[in-house]
Protein backbone atom coordinates (compact mmCIF):
# COMPACT_ATOMS: atom_id res chain seq x y z
CA GLN A 1 15.37 -18.22 6.88
CA VAL A 2 14.29 -14.64 6.13
CA ARG A 3 12.37 -12.50 8.13
CA LEU A 4 10.58 -9.51 6.95
CA VAL A 5 8.88 -6.67 9.23
CA GLU A 6 6.00 -4.47 7.14
CA SER A 7 5.37 -0.94 8.56
CA GLY A 8 3.79 2.37 6.54
CA GLY A 9 0.08 1.25 6.04
CA GLY A 10 -3.08 3.29 7.29
CA LEU A 11 -6.12 5.13 6.23
CA VAL A 12 -5.57 8.16 3.39
CA GLN A 13 -8.60 9.66 1.46
CA PRO A 14 -8.56 9.12 -2.65
CA GLY A 15 -6.16 10.90 -4.44
CA GLY A 16 -3.45 10.36 -1.61
CA SER A 17 -0.15 8.83 -0.96
CA LEU A 18 1.09 6.18 1.12
CA ARG A 19 4.70 4.45 1.53
CA LEU A 20 4.82 0.80 2.65
CA SER A 21 8.22 -0.38 3.67
CA CYS A 22 9.41 -3.93 4.43
CA VAL A 23 12.77 -4.61 6.13
CA GLY A 24 14.62 -7.66 5.79
CA SER A 25 16.75 -9.79 8.06
CA VAL A 26 18.98 -10.26 5.01
CA SER A 27 20.64 -8.16 2.36
CA ILE A 28 17.76 -8.03 -0.55
CA CYS A 29 20.84 -8.46 -3.31
CA ASP A 30 20.68 -9.89 -6.63
CA ARG A 31 19.87 -13.56 -4.93
CA TYR A 32 16.38 -12.55 -4.12
CA ALA A 33 13.38 -11.07 -6.25
CA ALA A 34 11.08 -9.07 -4.22
CA GLY A 35 7.92 -7.30 -4.35
CA TRP A 36 4.19 -6.57 -2.91
CA TYR A 37 0.83 -8.70 -2.85
CA ARG A 38 -2.37 -7.60 -2.09
CA GLN A 39 -5.44 -8.82 -0.02
CA ALA A 40 -8.85 -7.21 -0.28
CA PRO A 41 -11.76 -8.70 1.65
CA GLY A 42 -13.93 -11.89 -0.14
CA LYS A 43 -10.86 -11.47 -2.78
CA GLN A 44 -7.84 -13.75 -4.18
CA ARG A 45 -4.40 -12.06 -3.37
CA GLU A 46 -2.83 -10.53 -6.39
CA LEU A 47 0.66 -9.45 -7.34
CA VAL A 48 1.01 -5.28 -6.83
CA ALA A 49 4.47 -5.26 -7.91
CA ASN A 50 7.62 -7.28 -8.26
CA ILE A 51 11.17 -6.12 -8.62
CA ALA A 52 14.39 -8.73 -9.33
CA GLY A 53 17.49 -6.93 -10.36
CA ASN A 54 16.82 -4.45 -12.83
CA PHE A 55 13.47 -5.54 -13.53
CA ASN A 56 10.22 -4.67 -12.05
CA ASP A 57 6.48 -5.60 -12.89
CA TYR A 58 3.43 -4.54 -12.02
CA LEU A 59 -0.31 -4.40 -11.76
CA ALA A 60 -1.75 -2.62 -14.83
CA SER A 61 -4.48 -0.98 -12.65
CA VAL A 62 -1.56 0.74 -10.46
CA ARG A 63 1.01 0.94 -12.96
CA GLY A 64 2.20 4.79 -13.37
CA SER A 65 1.03 5.28 -9.89
CA PHE A 66 2.79 2.88 -7.77
CA THR A 67 6.47 2.52 -7.46
CA ILE A 68 8.47 -0.71 -5.58
CA SER A 69 12.23 -0.05 -5.04
CA ILE A 70 14.87 -1.80 -3.12
CA ASP A 71 17.16 0.12 -0.71
CA ASN A 72 20.35 -2.64 -0.26
CA ALA A 73 21.95 -0.52 2.61
CA LYS A 74 18.59 -0.39 4.64
CA ASN A 75 17.49 -4.22 3.63
CA THR A 76 14.45 -2.84 2.49
CA VAL A 77 11.58 -2.97 -0.25
CA SER A 78 9.71 0.10 -0.42
CA LEU A 79 6.27 0.56 -2.38
CA GLN A 80 5.32 3.60 -2.78
CA MET A 81 1.72 4.26 -3.66
CA ASN A 82 0.22 7.46 -5.16
CA MET A 83 -3.20 8.44 -6.53
CA LEU A 84 -4.97 5.84 -4.07
CA LYS A 85 -8.12 4.80 -4.80
CA PRO A 86 -11.23 3.13 -2.82
CA ASP A 87 -10.18 0.20 -5.05
CA ASP A 88 -6.60 -0.19 -3.37
CA THR A 89 -7.91 -0.79 -0.36
CA ALA A 90 -6.65 -4.29 1.18
CA VAL A 91 -3.80 -5.80 3.12
CA TYR A 92 -0.51 -5.28 1.46
CA TYR A 93 1.98 -8.44 1.97
CA CYS A 94 5.43 -8.01 1.06
CA PHE A 95 7.39 -11.29 0.13
CA VAL A 96 10.79 -11.88 -0.48
CA ARG A 97 11.87 -15.10 -3.28
CA ASP A 98 15.38 -16.93 -2.72
CA THR A 99 15.96 -17.56 -6.19
CA TRP A 100 19.14 -20.03 -5.11
CA THR A 101 16.41 -22.38 -2.79
CA GLY A 102 13.49 -21.29 -4.42
CA GLY A 103 12.02 -20.67 -0.68
CA ASP A 104 9.10 -17.97 -0.21
CA TYR A 105 8.85 -15.60 3.12
CA TRP A 106 6.27 -13.33 3.56
CA GLY A 107 5.65 -10.02 5.90
CA GLN A 108 2.94 -9.85 8.24
CA GLY A 109 0.71 -7.62 5.94
CA THR A 110 -0.24 -4.02 6.63
CA GLN A 111 -3.82 -2.63 6.14
CA VAL A 112 -4.14 0.12 3.54
CA THR A 113 -7.37 1.54 3.93
CA VAL A 114 -8.49 4.44 1.31
CA SER A 115 -11.95 6.23 2.21
CA SER A 116 -13.23 9.70 2.68
C-alpha cells in the first residue's frame, strides 16, 4: 500500500505560478510511474503530466508551462505550474502506479483556483 499526501494548491491570479507536491510513503524509484490528473467541475478527469524514469509527457494545453519532477531523496513528485490560466482551475490529484503489480494509488486531491 502506498500513501500519498498532496500540498500546494490555492488561489492564484492568471499568469501566476503554483507548485504542487505529493509525498509518498515509499521511494518513488524506477519501480513506479507517477503523475498528476485534474478534474474541473462538470468535466472528466484528465491526465495533466506523467513521468516514468527519464520519460515524461504532458497534456498539450500545459506543455511548456507545467513541469513534472521527482525527488527520490524526499519521495516527492512535484508539479510546477507557471503561466496559469482560469481553465487550469480544478482539483489536482497525484497518482503513483506500481509497475510490478499494476496497482494505482491516489492522493486526496488539492484545489487549484485561477481567478482575478
